PDB file of N, CA and C in Angstrom:
ATOM      1  N   MET A   1     -45.293-214.842  98.925  1.00  0.00           N
ATOM      2  CA  MET A   1     -44.577-214.164  97.860  1.00  0.00           C
ATOM      3  C   MET A   1     -45.587-213.436  97.002  1.00  0.00           C
ATOM      4  N   GLU A   2     -45.286-212.210  96.687  1.00  0.00           N
ATOM      5  CA  GLU A   2     -46.187-211.438  95.844  1.00  0.00           C
ATOM      6  C   GLU A   2     -45.508-211.122  94.522  1.00  0.00           C
ATOM      7  N   ASN A   3     -46.283-211.130  93.518  1.00  0.00           N
ATOM      8  CA  ASN A   3     -45.893-210.654  92.198  1.00  0.00           C
ATOM      9  C   ASN A   3     -47.063-209.807  91.739  1.00  0.00           C
ATOM     10  N   TRP A   4     -46.840-208.937  90.806  1.00  0.00           N
ATOM     11  CA  TRP A   4     -47.910-208.070  90.365  1.00  0.00           C
ATOM     12  C   TRP A   4     -49.121-208.913  89.954  1.00  0.00           C
ATOM     13  N   ARG A   5     -50.218-208.717  90.625  1.00  0.00           N
ATOM     14  CA  ARG A   5     -51.509-209.374  90.399  1.00  0.00           C
ATOM     15  C   ARG A   5     -51.530-210.853  90.785  1.00  0.00           C
ATOM     16  N   LEU A   6     -50.521-211.325  91.508  1.00  0.00           N
ATOM     17  CA  LEU A   6     -50.526-212.702  91.978  1.00  0.00           C
ATOM     18  C   LEU A   6     -49.815-212.782  93.324  1.00  0.00           C
ATOM     19  N   ILE A   7     -50.531-213.271  94.319  1.00  0.00           N
ATOM     20  CA  ILE A   7     -49.942-213.495  95.637  1.00  0.00           C
ATOM     21  C   ILE A   7     -50.035-214.982  95.925  1.00  0.00           C
ATOM     22  N   THR A   8     -48.916-215.583  96.298  1.00  0.00           N
ATOM     23  CA  THR A   8     -48.925-216.987  96.693  1.00  0.00           C
ATOM     24  C   THR A   8     -48.544-217.074  98.163  1.00  0.00           C
ATOM     25  N   LEU A   9     -49.262-217.902  98.891  1.00  0.00           N
ATOM     26  CA  LEU A   9     -49.030-218.066 100.316  1.00  0.00           C
ATOM     27  C   LEU A   9     -49.001-219.548 100.653  1.00  0.00           C
ATOM     28  N   ILE A  10     -48.386-219.888 101.745  1.00  0.00           N
ATOM     29  CA  ILE A  10     -48.398-221.251 102.252  1.00  0.00           C
ATOM     30  C   ILE A  10     -49.728-221.448 102.973  1.00  0.00           C
ATOM     31  N   ALA A  11     -50.434-222.492 102.625  1.00  0.00           N
ATOM     32  CA  ALA A  11     -51.780-222.720 103.149  1.00  0.00           C
ATOM     33  C   ALA A  11     -51.818-222.714 104.679  1.00  0.00           C
ATOM     34  N   ASP A  12     -50.838-223.323 105.323  1.00  0.00           N
ATOM     35  CA  ASP A  12     -50.833-223.382 106.786  1.00  0.00           C
ATOM     36  C   ASP A  12     -50.759-222.001 107.435  1.00  0.00           C
ATOM     37  N   ASP A  13     -50.278-221.017 106.690  1.00  0.00           N
ATOM     38  CA  ASP A  13     -50.184-219.658 107.226  1.00  0.00           C
ATOM     39  C   ASP A  13     -51.512-218.913 107.199  1.00  0.00           C
ATOM     40  N   ILE A  14     -52.449-219.369 106.389  1.00  0.00           N
ATOM     41  CA  ILE A  14     -53.707-218.612 106.274  1.00  0.00           C
ATOM     42  C   ILE A  14     -54.971-219.428 106.510  1.00  0.00           C
ATOM     43  N   ILE A  15     -54.884-220.748 106.515  1.00  0.00           N
ATOM     44  CA  ILE A  15     -56.062-221.566 106.788  1.00  0.00           C
ATOM     45  C   ILE A  15     -56.147-221.752 108.301  1.00  0.00           C
ATOM     46  N   LEU A  16     -57.225-221.268 108.866  1.00  0.00           N
ATOM     47  CA  LEU A  16     -57.383-221.262 110.317  1.00  0.00           C
ATOM     48  C   LEU A  16     -58.535-222.173 110.722  1.00  0.00           C
ATOM     49  N   GLU A  17     -58.292-223.037 111.682  1.00  0.00           N
ATOM     50  CA  GLU A  17     -59.330-223.923 112.212  1.00  0.00           C
ATOM     51  C   GLU A  17     -60.133-223.163 113.260  1.00  0.00           C
ATOM     52  N   LYS A  18     -61.454-223.244 113.161  1.00  0.00           N
ATOM     53  CA  LYS A  18     -62.338-222.444 114.005  1.00  0.00           C
ATOM     54  C   LYS A  18     -62.054-222.585 115.502  1.00  0.00           C
ATOM     55  N   ASN A  19     -61.942-223.785 116.011  1.00  0.00           N
ATOM     56  CA  ASN A  19     -61.792-223.979 117.456  1.00  0.00           C
ATOM     57  C   ASN A  19     -60.359-224.250 117.897  1.00  0.00           C
ATOM     58  N   GLU A  20     -59.440-224.332 116.959  1.00  0.00           N
ATOM     59  CA  GLU A  20     -58.074-224.717 117.302  1.00  0.00           C
ATOM     60  C   GLU A  20     -57.053-223.602 117.073  1.00  0.00           C
ATOM     61  N   THR A  21     -57.477-222.486 116.549  1.00  0.00           N
ATOM     62  CA  THR A  21     -56.534-221.443 116.166  1.00  0.00           C
ATOM     63  C   THR A  21     -56.343-220.436 117.286  1.00  0.00           C
ATOM     64  N   SER A  22     -55.086-220.144 117.591  1.00  0.00           N
ATOM     65  CA  SER A  22     -54.787-219.153 118.628  1.00  0.00           C
ATOM     66  C   SER A  22     -54.980-217.744 118.079  1.00  0.00           C
ATOM     67  N   PHE A  23     -55.190-216.836 118.982  1.00  0.00           N
ATOM     68  CA  PHE A  23     -55.344-215.433 118.616  1.00  0.00           C
ATOM     69  C   PHE A  23     -54.093-214.928 117.908  1.00  0.00           C
ATOM     70  N   GLU A  24     -52.930-215.358 118.360  1.00  0.00           N
ATOM     71  CA  GLU A  24     -51.678-214.917 117.730  1.00  0.00           C
ATOM     72  C   GLU A  24     -51.579-215.401 116.284  1.00  0.00           C
ATOM     73  N   LYS A  25     -52.027-216.619 116.007  1.00  0.00           N
ATOM     74  CA  LYS A  25     -51.989-217.122 114.627  1.00  0.00           C
ATOM     75  C   LYS A  25     -52.932-216.314 113.738  1.00  0.00           C
ATOM     76  N   ILE A  26     -54.077-215.942 114.256  1.00  0.00           N
ATOM     77  CA  ILE A  26     -55.010-215.106 113.492  1.00  0.00           C
ATOM     78  C   ILE A  26     -54.351-213.771 113.165  1.00  0.00           C
ATOM     79  N   ARG A  27     -53.738-213.149 114.151  1.00  0.00           N
ATOM     80  CA  ARG A  27     -53.065-211.859 113.915  1.00  0.00           C
ATOM     81  C   ARG A  27     -51.930-212.002 112.912  1.00  0.00           C
ATOM     82  N   ARG A  28     -51.136-213.069 113.022  1.00  0.00           N
ATOM     83  CA  ARG A  28     -50.035-213.281 112.065  1.00  0.00           C
ATOM     84  C   ARG A  28     -50.570-213.485 110.655  1.00  0.00           C
ATOM     85  N   SER A  29     -51.675-214.198 110.532  1.00  0.00           N
ATOM     86  CA  SER A  29     -52.279-214.417 109.206  1.00  0.00           C
ATOM     87  C   SER A  29     -52.749-213.114 108.591  1.00  0.00           C
ATOM     88  N   VAL A  30     -53.415-212.294 109.382  1.00  0.00           N
ATOM     89  CA  VAL A  30     -53.882-210.993 108.894  1.00  0.00           C
ATOM     90  C   VAL A  30     -52.691-210.134 108.493  1.00  0.00           C
ATOM     91  N   ASP A  31     -51.658-210.098 109.322  1.00  0.00           N
ATOM     92  CA  ASP A  31     -50.461-209.307 109.003  1.00  0.00           C
ATOM     93  C   ASP A  31     -49.787-209.798 107.729  1.00  0.00           C
ATOM     94  N   LEU A  32     -49.692-211.108 107.571  1.00  0.00           N
ATOM     95  CA  LEU A  32     -49.048-211.677 106.390  1.00  0.00           C
ATOM     96  C   LEU A  32     -49.797-211.297 105.113  1.00  0.00           C
ATOM     97  N   VAL A  33     -51.103-211.485 105.113  1.00  0.00           N
ATOM     98  CA  VAL A  33     -51.899-211.164 103.923  1.00  0.00           C
ATOM     99  C   VAL A  33     -51.826-209.666 103.634  1.00  0.00           C
ATOM    100  N   ALA A  34     -51.958-208.843 104.659  1.00  0.00           N
ATOM    101  CA  ALA A  34     -51.877-207.385 104.462  1.00  0.00           C
ATOM    102  C   ALA A  34     -50.499-206.977 103.951  1.00  0.00           C
ATOM    103  N   HIS A  35     -49.449-207.595 104.472  1.00  0.00           N
ATOM    104  CA  HIS A  35     -48.077-207.298 104.037  1.00  0.00           C
ATOM    105  C   HIS A  35     -47.905-207.602 102.551  1.00  0.00           C
ATOM    106  N   GLU A  36     -48.374-208.761 102.128  1.00  0.00           N
ATOM    107  CA  GLU A  36     -48.223-209.143 100.721  1.00  0.00           C
ATOM    108  C   GLU A  36     -49.101-208.286  99.804  1.00  0.00           C
ATOM    109  N   ILE A  37     -50.269-207.903 100.260  1.00  0.00           N
ATOM    110  CA  ILE A  37     -51.101-206.985  99.474  1.00  0.00           C
ATOM    111  C   ILE A  37     -50.414-205.627  99.356  1.00  0.00           C
ATOM    112  N   ALA A  38     -49.796-205.162 100.431  1.00  0.00           N
ATOM    113  CA  ALA A  38     -49.065-203.889 100.380  1.00  0.00           C
ATOM    114  C   ALA A  38     -47.953-203.934  99.345  1.00  0.00           C
ATOM    115  N   HIS A  39     -47.346-205.104  99.175  1.00  0.00           N
ATOM    116  CA  HIS A  39     -46.289-205.248  98.170  1.00  0.00           C
ATOM    117  C   HIS A  39     -46.810-205.083  96.740  1.00  0.00           C
ATOM    118  N   GLN A  40     -48.108-205.182  96.536  1.00  0.00           N
ATOM    119  CA  GLN A  40     -48.642-204.956  95.196  1.00  0.00           C
ATOM    120  C   GLN A  40     -48.291-203.547  94.727  1.00  0.00           C
ATOM    121  N   TRP A  41     -48.211-202.629  95.675  1.00  0.00           N
ATOM    122  CA  TRP A  41     -47.827-201.270  95.313  1.00  0.00           C
ATOM    123  C   TRP A  41     -46.350-201.055  95.614  1.00  0.00           C
ATOM    124  N   ILE A  42     -45.978-201.105  96.878  1.00  0.00           N
ATOM    125  CA  ILE A  42     -44.576-200.872  97.237  1.00  0.00           C
ATOM    126  C   ILE A  42     -43.814-202.184  97.093  1.00  0.00           C
ATOM    127  N   GLY A  43     -42.979-202.248  96.126  1.00  0.00           N
ATOM    128  CA  GLY A  43     -42.203-203.453  95.865  1.00  0.00           C
ATOM    129  C   GLY A  43     -42.466-204.004  94.480  1.00  0.00           C
ATOM    130  N   ASP A  44     -43.667-203.783  93.954  1.00  0.00           N
ATOM    131  CA  ASP A  44     -43.979-204.260  92.608  1.00  0.00           C
ATOM    132  C   ASP A  44     -44.132-203.073  91.659  1.00  0.00           C
ATOM    133  N   LEU A  45     -45.125-202.226  91.914  1.00  0.00           N
ATOM    134  CA  LEU A  45     -45.298-201.063  91.036  1.00  0.00           C
ATOM    135  C   LEU A  45     -44.276-199.972  91.319  1.00  0.00           C
ATOM    136  N   VAL A  46     -44.008-199.749  92.587  1.00  0.00           N
ATOM    137  CA  VAL A  46     -43.002-198.771  93.003  1.00  0.00           C
ATOM    138  C   VAL A  46     -41.952-199.553  93.776  1.00  0.00           C
ATOM    139  N   THR A  47     -40.721-199.491  93.342  1.00  0.00           N
ATOM    140  CA  THR A  47     -39.696-200.297  94.000  1.00  0.00           C
ATOM    141  C   THR A  47     -38.372-199.535  94.073  1.00  0.00           C
ATOM    142  N   MET A  48     -37.472-200.064  94.863  1.00  0.00           N
ATOM    143  CA  MET A  48     -36.166-199.433  95.012  1.00  0.00           C
ATOM    144  C   MET A  48     -35.332-199.671  93.753  1.00  0.00           C
ATOM    145  N   ASN A  49     -34.307-198.888  93.608  1.00  0.00           N
ATOM    146  CA  ASN A  49     -33.446-198.967  92.442  1.00  0.00           C
ATOM    147  C   ASN A  49     -32.614-200.246  92.417  1.00  0.00           C
ATOM    148  N   TRP A  50     -32.113-200.663  93.584  1.00  0.00           N
ATOM    149  CA  TRP A  50     -31.256-201.838  93.648  1.00  0.00           C
ATOM    150  C   TRP A  50     -31.297-202.389  95.065  1.00  0.00           C
ATOM    151  N   TRP A  51     -30.753-203.558  95.308  1.00  0.00           N
ATOM    152  CA  TRP A  51     -30.864-204.304  96.551  1.00  0.00           C
ATOM    153  C   TRP A  51     -30.434-203.585  97.828  1.00  0.00           C
ATOM    154  N   PRO A  52     -29.492-202.673  97.834  1.00  0.00           N
ATOM    155  CA  PRO A  52     -29.099-202.053  99.112  1.00  0.00           C
ATOM    156  C   PRO A  52     -30.249-201.361  99.839  1.00  0.00           C
ATOM    157  N   HIS A  53     -31.314-201.069  99.133  1.00  0.00           N
ATOM    158  CA  HIS A  53     -32.438-200.358  99.741  1.00  0.00           C
ATOM    159  C   HIS A  53     -33.667-201.243  99.888  1.00  0.00           C
ATOM    160  N   ILE A  54     -33.475-202.548 100.048  1.00  0.00           N
ATOM    161  CA  ILE A  54     -34.595-203.481 100.198  1.00  0.00           C
ATOM    162  C   ILE A  54     -35.431-203.140 101.427  1.00  0.00           C
ATOM    163  N   TRP A  55     -34.825-202.490 102.411  1.00  0.00           N
ATOM    164  CA  TRP A  55     -35.565-202.117 103.612  1.00  0.00           C
ATOM    165  C   TRP A  55     -36.726-201.188 103.290  1.00  0.00           C
ATOM    166  N   LEU A  56     -36.614-200.413 102.216  1.00  0.00           N
ATOM    167  CA  LEU A  56     -37.735-199.552 101.828  1.00  0.00           C
ATOM    168  C   LEU A  56     -38.956-200.384 101.460  1.00  0.00           C
ATOM    169  N   ASN A  57     -38.762-201.436 100.676  1.00  0.00           N
ATOM    170  CA  ASN A  57     -39.872-202.319 100.306  1.00  0.00           C
ATOM    171  C   ASN A  57     -40.454-203.021 101.523  1.00  0.00           C
ATOM    172  N   GLU A  58     -39.598-203.674 102.284  1.00  0.00           N
ATOM    173  CA  GLU A  58     -40.073-204.507 103.395  1.00  0.00           C
ATOM    174  C   GLU A  58     -40.564-203.668 104.570  1.00  0.00           C
ATOM    175  N   GLY A  59     -39.866-202.616 104.872  1.00  0.00           N
ATOM    176  CA  GLY A  59     -40.287-201.761 105.981  1.00  0.00           C
ATOM    177  C   GLY A  59     -41.616-201.086 105.715  1.00  0.00           C
ATOM    178  N   PHE A  60     -41.793-200.565 104.517  1.00  0.00           N
ATOM    179  CA  PHE A  60     -43.032-199.887 104.196  1.00  0.00           C
ATOM    180  C   PHE A  60     -44.194-200.878 104.102  1.00  0.00           C
ATOM    181  N   ALA A  61     -43.961-202.065 103.559  1.00  0.00           N
ATOM    182  CA  ALA A  61     -45.015-203.087 103.519  1.00  0.00           C
ATOM    183  C   ALA A  61     -45.397-203.511 104.938  1.00  0.00           C
ATOM    184  N   SER A  62     -44.435-203.623 105.830  1.00  0.00           N
ATOM    185  CA  SER A  62     -44.726-203.953 107.229  1.00  0.00           C
ATOM    186  C   SER A  62     -45.532-202.834 107.888  1.00  0.00           C
ATOM    187  N   PHE A  63     -45.142-201.604 107.630  1.00  0.00           N
ATOM    188  CA  PHE A  63     -45.870-200.450 108.169  1.00  0.00           C
ATOM    189  C   PHE A  63     -47.315-200.444 107.677  1.00  0.00           C
ATOM    190  N   LEU A  64     -47.515-200.652 106.373  1.00  0.00           N
ATOM    191  CA  LEU A  64     -48.872-200.655 105.822  1.00  0.00           C
ATOM    192  C   LEU A  64     -49.708-201.810 106.360  1.00  0.00           C
ATOM    193  N   SER A  65     -49.092-202.960 106.580  1.00  0.00           N
ATOM    194  CA  SER A  65     -49.864-204.079 107.140  1.00  0.00           C
ATOM    195  C   SER A  65     -50.315-203.762 108.561  1.00  0.00           C
ATOM    196  N   SER A  66     -49.491-203.077 109.331  1.00  0.00           N
ATOM    197  CA  SER A  66     -49.907-202.660 110.676  1.00  0.00           C
ATOM    198  C   SER A  66     -51.055-201.664 110.602  1.00  0.00           C
ATOM    199  N   LYS A  67     -50.954-200.704 109.698  1.00  0.00           N
ATOM    200  CA  LYS A  67     -52.038-199.729 109.527  1.00  0.00           C
ATOM    201  C   LYS A  67     -53.346-200.429 109.162  1.00  0.00           C
ATOM    202  N   CYS A  68     -53.268-201.425 108.313  1.00  0.00           N
ATOM    203  CA  CYS A  68     -54.440-202.195 107.903  1.00  0.00           C
ATOM    204  C   CYS A  68     -55.057-202.903 109.115  1.00  0.00           C
ATOM    205  N   SER A  69     -54.228-203.562 109.909  1.00  0.00           N
ATOM    206  CA  SER A  69     -54.720-204.261 111.097  1.00  0.00           C
ATOM    207  C   SER A  69     -55.378-203.292 112.074  1.00  0.00           C
ATOM    208  N   PHE A  70     -54.765-202.125 112.260  1.00  0.00           N
ATOM    209  CA  PHE A  70     -55.345-201.129 113.161  1.00  0.00           C
ATOM    210  C   PHE A  70     -56.747-200.739 112.702  1.00  0.00           C
ATOM    211  N   ALA A  71     -56.890-200.519 111.397  1.00  0.00           N
ATOM    212  CA  ALA A  71     -58.160-200.051 110.845  1.00  0.00           C
ATOM    213  C   ALA A  71     -59.232-201.150 110.835  1.00  0.00           C
ATOM    214  N   LEU A  72     -58.848-202.374 110.464  1.00  0.00           N
ATOM    215  CA  LEU A  72     -59.829-203.451 110.349  1.00  0.00           C
ATOM    216  C   LEU A  72     -60.225-204.066 111.687  1.00  0.00           C
ATOM    217  N   PHE A  73     -59.293-204.104 112.615  1.00  0.00           N
ATOM    218  CA  PHE A  73     -59.541-204.777 113.890  1.00  0.00           C
ATOM    219  C   PHE A  73     -59.123-203.904 115.075  1.00  0.00           C
ATOM    220  N   PRO A  74     -59.776-202.768 115.277  1.00  0.00           N
ATOM    221  CA  PRO A  74     -59.376-201.888 116.389  1.00  0.00           C
ATOM    222  C   PRO A  74     -59.526-202.566 117.755  1.00  0.00           C
ATOM    223  N   GLN A  75     -60.426-203.558 117.855  1.00  0.00           N
ATOM    224  CA  GLN A  75     -60.633-204.265 119.122  1.00  0.00           C
ATOM    225  C   GLN A  75     -59.390-205.044 119.550  1.00  0.00           C
ATOM    226  N   TRP A  76     -58.479-205.315 118.622  1.00  0.00           N
ATOM    227  CA  TRP A  76     -57.256-206.026 118.973  1.00  0.00           C
ATOM    228  C   TRP A  76     -56.288-205.140 119.750  1.00  0.00           C
ATOM    229  N   LYS A  77     -56.482-203.838 119.669  1.00  0.00           N
ATOM    230  CA  LYS A  77     -55.616-202.859 120.352  1.00  0.00           C
ATOM    231  C   LYS A  77     -54.136-203.067 120.017  1.00  0.00           C
ATOM    232  N   LYS A  78     -53.896-203.516 118.796  1.00  0.00           N
ATOM    233  CA  LYS A  78     -52.524-203.761 118.337  1.00  0.00           C
ATOM    234  C   LYS A  78     -51.707-202.473 118.320  1.00  0.00           C
ATOM    235  N   VAL A  79     -52.389-201.355 118.114  1.00  0.00           N
ATOM    236  CA  VAL A  79     -51.690-200.077 118.081  1.00  0.00           C
ATOM    237  C   VAL A  79     -50.972-199.811 119.404  1.00  0.00           C
ATOM    238  N   ASP A  80     -51.481-200.378 120.496  1.00  0.00           N
ATOM    239  CA  ASP A  80     -50.875-200.166 121.807  1.00  0.00           C
ATOM    240  C   ASP A  80     -49.554-200.904 121.984  1.00  0.00           C
ATOM    241  N   THR A  81     -49.331-201.976 121.239  1.00  0.00           N
ATOM    242  CA  THR A  81     -48.123-202.781 121.432  1.00  0.00           C
ATOM    243  C   THR A  81     -47.145-202.735 120.266  1.00  0.00           C
ATOM    244  N   THR A  82     -47.552-202.165 119.149  1.00  0.00           N
ATOM    245  CA  THR A  82     -46.722-202.225 117.943  1.00  0.00           C
ATOM    246  C   THR A  82     -45.374-201.545 118.114  1.00  0.00           C
ATOM    247  N   LEU A  83     -45.336-200.354 118.672  1.00  0.00           N
ATOM    248  CA  LEU A  83     -44.059-199.652 118.815  1.00  0.00           C
ATOM    249  C   LEU A  83     -43.077-200.492 119.622  1.00  0.00           C
ATOM    250  N   ASN A  84     -43.515-201.030 120.745  1.00  0.00           N
ATOM    251  CA  ASN A  84     -42.635-201.857 121.564  1.00  0.00           C
ATOM    252  C   ASN A  84     -42.210-203.122 120.825  1.00  0.00           C
ATOM    253  N   ASP A  85     -43.143-203.775 120.122  1.00  0.00           N
ATOM    254  CA  ASP A  85     -42.813-204.988 119.369  1.00  0.00           C
ATOM    255  C   ASP A  85     -41.762-204.709 118.301  1.00  0.00           C
ATOM    256  N   VAL A  86     -41.945-203.626 117.570  1.00  0.00           N
ATOM    257  CA  VAL A  86     -41.021-203.272 116.490  1.00  0.00           C
ATOM    258  C   VAL A  86     -39.650-202.931 117.054  1.00  0.00           C
ATOM    259  N   LEU A  87     -39.617-202.093 118.088  1.00  0.00           N
ATOM    260  CA  LEU A  87     -38.332-201.701 118.668  1.00  0.00           C
ATOM    261  C   LEU A  87     -37.595-202.895 119.259  1.00  0.00           C
ATOM    262  N   GLU A  88     -38.307-203.727 120.004  1.00  0.00           N
ATOM    263  CA  GLU A  88     -37.664-204.867 120.657  1.00  0.00           C
ATOM    264  C   GLU A  88     -37.064-205.831 119.640  1.00  0.00           C
ATOM    265  N   VAL A  89     -37.835-206.210 118.633  1.00  0.00           N
ATOM    266  CA  VAL A  89     -37.354-207.163 117.627  1.00  0.00           C
ATOM    267  C   VAL A  89     -36.215-206.552 116.806  1.00  0.00           C
ATOM    268  N   GLY A  90     -36.402-205.324 116.352  1.00  0.00           N
ATOM    269  CA  GLY A  90     -35.383-204.662 115.535  1.00  0.00           C
ATOM    270  C   GLY A  90     -34.086-204.431 116.281  1.00  0.00           C
ATOM    271  N   PHE A  91     -34.177-203.943 117.510  1.00  0.00           N
ATOM    272  CA  PHE A  91     -32.971-203.666 118.283  1.00  0.00           C
ATOM    273  C   PHE A  91     -32.281-204.954 118.742  1.00  0.00           C
ATOM    274  N   ASP A  92     -33.073-205.979 119.059  1.00  0.00           N
ATOM    275  CA  ASP A  92     -32.454-207.256 119.429  1.00  0.00           C
ATOM    276  C   ASP A  92     -31.626-207.806 118.271  1.00  0.00           C
ATOM    277  N   ALA A  93     -32.185-207.781 117.073  1.00  0.00           N
ATOM    278  CA  ALA A  93     -31.455-208.262 115.892  1.00  0.00           C
ATOM    279  C   ALA A  93     -30.232-207.392 115.623  1.00  0.00           C
ATOM    280  N   ASP A  94     -30.357-206.113 115.871  1.00  0.00           N
ATOM    281  CA  ASP A  94     -29.255-205.188 115.610  1.00  0.00           C
ATOM    282  C   ASP A  94     -28.120-205.344 116.621  1.00  0.00           C
ATOM    283  N   SER A  95     -28.403-205.944 117.763  1.00  0.00           N
ATOM    284  CA  SER A  95     -27.363-206.104 118.780  1.00  0.00           C
ATOM    285  C   SER A  95     -26.510-207.355 118.566  1.00  0.00           C
ATOM    286  N   LEU A  96     -26.893-208.197 117.626  1.00  0.00           N
ATOM    287  CA  LEU A  96     -26.150-209.433 117.376  1.00  0.00           C
ATOM    288  C   LEU A  96     -24.886-209.174 116.555  1.00  0.00           C
ATOM    289  N   GLU A  97     -23.945-210.074 116.643  1.00  0.00           N
ATOM    290  CA  GLU A  97     -22.717-209.958 115.869  1.00  0.00           C
ATOM    291  C   GLU A  97     -22.997-210.040 114.364  1.00  0.00           C
ATOM    292  N   SER A  98     -24.069-210.710 114.007  1.00  0.00           N
ATOM    293  CA  SER A  98     -24.438-210.862 112.592  1.00  0.00           C
ATOM    294  C   SER A  98     -25.193-209.645 112.042  1.00  0.00           C
ATOM    295  N   SER A  99     -25.310-208.607 112.834  1.00  0.00           N
ATOM    296  CA  SER A  99     -26.030-207.401 112.410  1.00  0.00           C
ATOM    297  C   SER A  99     -25.403-206.800 111.156  1.00  0.00           C
ATOM    298  N   HIS A 100     -26.198-206.023 110.453  1.00  0.00           N
ATOM    299  CA  HIS A 100     -25.709-205.346 109.254  1.00  0.00           C
ATOM    300  C   HIS A 100     -26.381-203.974 109.170  1.00  0.00           C
ATOM    301  N   PRO A 101     -25.789-203.045 108.434  1.00  0.00           N
ATOM    302  CA  PRO A 101     -26.439-201.740 108.264  1.00  0.00           C
ATOM    303  C   PRO A 101     -27.760-201.904 107.523  1.00  0.00           C
ATOM    304  N   ILE A 102     -28.676-200.987 107.741  1.00  0.00           N
ATOM    305  CA  ILE A 102     -29.959-201.064 107.046  1.00  0.00           C
ATOM    306  C   ILE A 102     -29.777-200.846 105.548  1.00  0.00           C
ATOM    307  N   VAL A 103     -28.828-200.000 105.175  1.00  0.00           N
ATOM    308  CA  VAL A 103     -28.423-199.842 103.771  1.00  0.00           C
ATOM    309  C   VAL A 103     -27.061-200.507 103.661  1.00  0.00           C
ATOM    310  N   PHE A 104     -26.907-201.413 102.735  1.00  0.00           N
ATOM    311  CA  PHE A 104     -25.699-202.225 102.687  1.00  0.00           C
ATOM    312  C   PHE A 104     -25.112-202.237 101.284  1.00  0.00           C
ATOM    313  N   GLU A 105     -23.879-202.647 101.205  1.00  0.00           N
ATOM    314  CA  GLU A 105     -23.220-202.827  99.919  1.00  0.00           C
ATOM    315  C   GLU A 105     -23.590-204.198  99.377  1.00  0.00           C
ATOM    316  N   PHE A 106     -24.138-204.238  98.202  1.00  0.00           N
ATOM    317  CA  PHE A 106     -24.535-205.499  97.586  1.00  0.00           C
ATOM    318  C   PHE A 106     -23.318-206.093  96.897  1.00  0.00           C
ATOM    319  N   GLU A 107     -22.918-207.295  97.325  1.00  0.00           N
ATOM    320  CA  GLU A 107     -21.725-207.924  96.762  1.00  0.00           C
ATOM    321  C   GLU A 107     -22.056-208.975  95.711  1.00  0.00           C
ATOM    322  N   CYS A 108     -22.944-209.875  96.040  1.00  0.00           N
ATOM    323  CA  CYS A 108     -23.315-210.922  95.085  1.00  0.00           C
ATOM    324  C   CYS A 108     -24.692-211.455  95.427  1.00  0.00           C
ATOM    325  N   LYS A 109     -25.360-212.026  94.451  1.00  0.00           N
ATOM    326  CA  LYS A 109     -26.727-212.477  94.674  1.00  0.00           C
ATOM    327  C   LYS A 109     -26.816-213.646  95.651  1.00  0.00           C
ATOM    328  N   GLN A 110     -25.746-214.350  95.897  1.00  0.00           N
ATOM    329  CA  GLN A 110     -25.778-215.477  96.818  1.00  0.00           C
ATOM    330  C   GLN A 110     -26.045-215.038  98.257  1.00  0.00           C
ATOM    331  N   ASN A 111     -25.653-213.821  98.638  1.00  0.00           N
ATOM    332  CA  ASN A 111     -25.848-213.410 100.026  1.00  0.00           C
ATOM    333  C   ASN A 111     -27.102-212.555 100.234  1.00  0.00           C
ATOM    334  N   ILE A 112     -27.925-212.418  99.224  1.00  0.00           N
ATOM    335  CA  ILE A 112     -29.089-211.540  99.333  1.00  0.00           C
ATOM    336  C   ILE A 112     -30.109-212.046 100.345  1.00  0.00           C
ATOM    337  N   THR A 113     -30.287-213.352 100.458  1.00  0.00           N
ATOM    338  CA  THR A 113     -31.304-213.879 101.376  1.00  0.00           C
ATOM    339  C   THR A 113     -30.966-213.610 102.842  1.00  0.00           C
ATOM    340  N   THR A 114     -29.703-213.411 103.161  1.00  0.00           N
ATOM    341  CA  THR A 114     -29.332-213.132 104.545  1.00  0.00           C
ATOM    342  C   THR A 114     -29.810-211.756 104.990  1.00  0.00           C
ATOM    343  N   LEU A 115     -30.204-210.915 104.063  1.00  0.00           N
ATOM    344  CA  LEU A 115     -30.630-209.560 104.414  1.00  0.00           C
ATOM    345  C   LEU A 115     -32.130-209.439 104.650  1.00  0.00           C
ATOM    346  N   PHE A 116     -32.871-210.528 104.493  1.00  0.00           N
ATOM    347  CA  PHE A 116     -34.298-210.528 104.788  1.00  0.00           C
ATOM    348  C   PHE A 116     -34.485-211.009 106.220  1.00  0.00           C
ATOM    349  N   ASN A 117     -34.267-210.096 107.161  1.00  0.00           N
ATOM    350  CA  ASN A 117     -34.342-210.440 108.573  1.00  0.00           C
ATOM    351  C   ASN A 117     -35.017-209.296 109.342  1.00  0.00           C
ATOM    352  N   ALA A 118     -34.997-209.378 110.664  1.00  0.00           N
ATOM    353  CA  ALA A 118     -35.688-208.398 111.489  1.00  0.00           C
ATOM    354  C   ALA A 118     -35.160-206.978 111.286  1.00  0.00           C
ATOM    355  N   ILE A 119     -33.892-206.828 110.988  1.00  0.00           N
ATOM    356  CA  ILE A 119     -33.350-205.487 110.758  1.00  0.00           C
ATOM    357  C   ILE A 119     -34.014-204.864 109.538  1.00  0.00           C
ATOM    358  N   THR A 120     -34.084-205.613 108.476  1.00  0.00           N
ATOM    359  CA  THR A 120     -34.670-205.115 107.236  1.00  0.00           C
ATOM    360  C   THR A 120     -36.156-204.811 107.408  1.00  0.00           C
ATOM    361  N   TYR A 121     -36.892-205.694 108.069  1.00  0.00           N
ATOM    362  CA  TYR A 121     -38.336-205.524 108.202  1.00  0.00           C
ATOM    363  C   TYR A 121     -38.706-204.531 109.299  1.00  0.00           C
ATOM    364  N   LYS A 122     -38.142-204.689 110.481  1.00  0.00           N
ATOM    365  CA  LYS A 122     -38.591-203.912 111.645  1.00  0.00           C
ATOM    366  C   LYS A 122     -37.982-202.524 111.720  1.00  0.00           C
ATOM    367  N   LYS A 123     -36.706-202.379 111.355  1.00  0.00           N
ATOM    368  CA  LYS A 123     -36.120-201.042 111.430  1.00  0.00           C
ATOM    369  C   LYS A 123     -36.672-200.136 110.340  1.00  0.00           C
ATOM    370  N   GLY A 124     -37.160-200.730 109.261  1.00  0.00           N
ATOM    371  CA  GLY A 124     -37.807-199.939 108.227  1.00  0.00           C
ATOM    372  C   GLY A 124     -39.221-199.558 108.588  1.00  0.00           C
ATOM    373  N   GLU A 125     -39.840-200.335 109.452  1.00  0.00           N
ATOM    374  CA  GLU A 125     -41.226-200.114 109.839  1.00  0.00           C
ATOM    375  C   GLU A 125     -41.325-198.917 110.747  1.00  0.00           C
TER     376      GLU A 125
END
């Protein structure tokens, strides 16, 4: 979770054991930290007007975290798989009966957490 000038993370998501950590966990940790840092600008300083456009915050933060990974770790060749990863996850979520439009009508704050899913993150990316 990010707030202006404060990022809080779950320790298990970012503390990596030298000989026990998989490559995928390292990549997820880098993506998570980069995503939350991106929110310092998009989502905190610059944000959407209201909840129906949450995909702008999450999609752009996801996009920026990918750009960061590409620049910092080109040896990972993540740029070669990102388009397929994003399309597959986003389209799979969109094919479910529980799918929703990327821009939605906000009804009440109780249902807001259901909109933080692959559609919001990946289709915006």
